[in-house]
C-alpha atoms as a PDB file:
ATOM      1  CA  MET A   1      99.848 116.237 107.673  1.00  0.00           C
ATOM      2  CA  ASN A   2     102.154 114.377 110.447  1.00  0.00           C
ATOM      3  CA  ARG A   3     103.955 111.854 109.897  1.00  0.00           C
ATOM      4  CA  ARG A   4     102.164 109.653 112.400  1.00  0.00           C
ATOM      5  CA  LYS A   5      99.084 110.533 111.067  1.00  0.00           C
ATOM      6  CA  LYS A   6      99.959 109.834 107.362  1.00  0.00           C
ATOM      7  CA  VAL A   7     101.210 106.429 108.101  1.00  0.00           C
ATOM      8  CA  ASN A   8      98.078 105.424 110.229  1.00  0.00           C
ATOM      9  CA  GLN A   9      95.528 106.425 107.423  1.00  0.00           C
ATOM     10  CA  ILE A  10      98.202 104.423 104.621  1.00  0.00           C
ATOM     11  CA  LEU A  11      98.067 100.901 107.032  1.00  0.00           C
ATOM     12  CA  LYS A  12      93.964 101.733 108.039  1.00  0.00           C
ATOM     13  CA  LYS A  13      93.418 102.085 103.886  1.00  0.00           C
ATOM     14  CA  LYS A  14      95.731  98.570 103.121  1.00  0.00           C
ATOM     15  CA  ALA A  15      93.686  96.552 106.248  1.00  0.00           C
ATOM     16  CA  LYS A  16      90.501  98.059 104.480  1.00  0.00           C
ATOM     17  CA  LYS A  17      91.194  96.756 101.411  1.00  0.00           C
ATOM     18  CA  ALA A  18      92.714  93.337 102.633  1.00  0.00           C
ATOM     19  CA  ASN A  19      89.495  92.902 104.457  1.00  0.00           C
ATOM     20  CA  ASP A  20      86.951  93.464 102.069  1.00  0.00           C
ATOM     21  CA  LYS A  21      89.238  90.740  99.492  1.00  0.00           C
ATOM     22  CA  LEU A  22      88.034  88.411 102.009  1.00  0.00           C
ATOM     23  CA  ASN A  23      84.983  88.719 102.577  1.00  0.00           C
ATOM     24  CA  PRO A  24      82.692  87.965  99.340  1.00  0.00           C
ATOM     25  CA  LYS A  25      80.418  90.525  97.915  1.00  0.00           C
ATOM     26  CA  LYS A  26      77.161  90.460  99.312  1.00  0.00           C
ATOM     27  CA  LYS A  27      74.927  92.876  96.369  1.00  0.00           C
ATOM     28  CA  PRO A  28      74.370  90.797  93.069  1.00  0.00           C
ATOM     29  CA  ARG A  29      75.889  92.262  89.744  1.00  0.00           C
ATOM     30  CA  TYR A  30      74.205  94.977  87.978  1.00  0.00           C
ATOM     31  CA  ILE A  31      72.443  93.880  84.453  1.00  0.00           C
ATOM     32  CA  SER A  32      71.537  97.107  82.455  1.00  0.00           C
ATOM     33  CA  LYS A  33      67.776  97.442  81.013  1.00  0.00           C
ATOM     34  CA  ALA A  34      69.265  96.379  78.128  1.00  0.00           C
ATOM     35  CA  GLU A  35      71.315  93.127  79.330  1.00  0.00           C
ATOM     36  CA  ARG A  36      67.664  91.625  80.595  1.00  0.00           C
ATOM     37  CA  ALA A  37      65.850  92.737  77.471  1.00  0.00           C
ATOM     38  CA  LYS A  38      69.142  90.689  75.123  1.00  0.00           C
ATOM     39  CA  PHE A  39      68.736  88.350  77.496  1.00  0.00           C
ATOM     40  CA  GLU A  40      64.786  87.760  77.532  1.00  0.00           C
ATOM     41  CA  GLN A  41      65.178  87.340  73.978  1.00  0.00           C
ATOM     42  CA  GLU A  42      67.742  84.676  74.114  1.00  0.00           C
ATOM     43  CA  GLN A  43      65.897  82.717  75.811  1.00  0.00           C
ATOM     44  CA  GLU A  44      62.361  83.563  73.794  1.00  0.00           C
ATOM     45  CA  GLN A  45      64.249  81.943  70.586  1.00  0.00           C
ATOM     46  CA  GLU A  46      65.743  79.293  72.751  1.00  0.00           C
ATOM     47  CA  GLY A  47      62.228  78.289  73.679  1.00  0.00           C
ATOM     48  CA  GLY A  48      63.067  77.938  76.956  1.00  0.00           C
ATOM     49  CA  THR A  49      61.147  80.054  79.782  1.00  0.00           C
ATOM     50  CA  TYR A  50      62.680  81.966  82.075  1.00  0.00           C
ATOM     51  CA  ILE A  51      62.640  81.665  85.825  1.00  0.00           C
ATOM     52  CA  ASP A  52      64.352  84.366  88.026  1.00  0.00           C
ATOM     53  CA  THR A  53      65.597  82.946  90.887  1.00  0.00           C
ATOM     54  CA  GLU A  54      67.836  85.782  93.155  1.00  0.00           C
ATOM     55  CA  SER A  55      65.361  87.154  94.029  1.00  0.00           C
END
């Protein structure tokens, strides 16, 4: 790989990372099945009803 191409590749990679940091993520964080079950169990113990507002 020639020097000019390598430098351009590095600069593009840096610019892409900087741009990704500025833009917030649109997808909600993944919650595993075990964590969902644990969360629902805690909600039942508290006596409150769980309403999914992220949908």
